[in-house]
Amino acid sequence: MNLQSDIATGRILVRGVNWLGDAVMTTPALLRLREAFPAAQISLLAPAKLADLWWRHPAVDDVITFTPGESVLAVSRRLRPGRFTHALVLPNSPRSALEVFLAGIPRRIGYARPWRNWLLTQPVATRPGAVKMHKRSAAEIRRLLAAPPPFPLPPALPPDAHQIHEYLHLAAALGANPQPLPPRLHAVPFADSGLARLLPPGDRRAGGFIGLNPGAEYGPAKRWPVEYFAAAANELYQRCACEFLILGGPGDLPLAEQLRSLLPVPFARGHVTSLAGKTRLGELMTSLQLCRVLITNDTGPMHVAAALGTPVVTPFGSTSPELTGPGLPGDPRHRLLKSDAPCAPCFLRECPVDFRCLRGLGPERVVYAVLQLLKSG
C-alpha cells in the first residue's frame, strides 16, 4: 500500500525528542505536518517532563507521556490501543525506533542510522544540507590557540544548516512542506498559572521583567560567567530601573544564589525575584512570556522564550547560533553574540583551557544589546 494512501485521515504518532530545546525546534515540523494533514489524528509521544510544553499546541491532538524508568516494552504496549497507521520518529536512537516497531505501527519513518534501520519501513537518508557538530579535542583546541594571528575564520555554514531543518526534512518524507516556520508555543495565561504567589505585586511587574537565565544543563562550557550576569543586571538597573527575574530549574539553584549574592543588597532585595527551582515547566513558560527580554545561555529556556515571542540576548561560545540558535534563523528580534575565539565553537561540555570564548564577551556587549531591544519595544 502506498505511504500516502491513508495518511490524510490516518492516525499519526510522532515520537518526540527528549530535550527541551530540541523539542521546541521540532515545532515547525509538527506545524507543517498539521498543515499537510488537517484531518489526521496526530499524537505526540514525549517525556513526561516536557508535557507542559505542548499545552494547547495546534499541531497535536493529544500527548502520550513516558517516564525515565519505563521500559521499551511498557511504552510500546501503551501505544498499541492507539491503532496508529504511521509513526514519525524524530530522535536518532535505536530505542525510539524499537518503541514504534514493537507497538505494531505499520509505517515507520525516521533517519537511517546504525542499529535501527531494520526497525523502520522508510529509513530516510541524511539530508544534503546537514552539518555534523564536530567536537574538538583538547589537543586541537590548544593547537588553534597556539597559532599566530590572524586566526582562520570557521567555514561558512549553508543557510539550511539549522537543526529545525533536520525535523522538517523528516516531516517532508510524509508529504509535508519542508519550508521553515518560526517555532511556536503557547503559555498558560498568567491568571491561570499560579505564578502570582511567587511574583512581586502587580505594580512592580506591570512594566515587564528582564529575565536572567544563568544555567545550562549541557555543561559549564555553555555558561556565560555568573559574575557577568550580575554586572550586566546591575548596569541595566542603573540605566532603566527594571525589575528582574532569575530563572532556572532545581539544578540551577546554586548558580541563582551566587548570582543574587553578587548584586548590591538593596537592588537584590527590592528588585530581583528568583524563581529558580520553584516552577514547573508550564509556570516557567508563563514567566518567560512576562519578560521584555531574556538574557540567557544557549539552553532550553532560550528556545522556549523565543517561541513564545520574548526577545533573547545570548552569548554563544562553545556552540553555534547557525546550528541551534533561537527562533527562525535570522530573526531580528534576538541578539546572538558570537565569540571570536579561534577554538569556538568546540561543542564540548567543559572547557579544557581558559574559557576565553565566553569570557571574551563582556557584560557591556550584553547591556548594549538589551538596551537596543528595550528601545525598539
Foldseek 3Di string as FASTA:
>chain_A
DDLQPCQLQFEEEEEADAFQLRRLLLQQLLVLLCVVRVNYAYEYEYAPLCQLFCVPPPSHDYYHHDYPPDDLLRLLVVCQVVQGQEYQYEDPDQSSLSSVLSVVRPAYEYADDPPHPVSHPHHDYDDPQEDDAAFDDLVRLVVQQPDDDPRDDPDDGDQQHAPSLSSLVSSVVSPGDSDGDWRATDADAPVPFPCVVQDDDPVQLVVFAEEEEQDAVLADLQGQDLLQVLVLVQVLCVVPVHAYEYEAAPVCVVSVVVSLVNHPVVCSVPRYGYCYRPDRPRNLLNSLLRHQEYEYTLHSVQQSSVNHPHEYEYEGFQDDCSYSNHINPPPVSYHYHWFPSSCPNNNDRDDPDDSCGSVVCGSVNVNVRVVVNVVVD
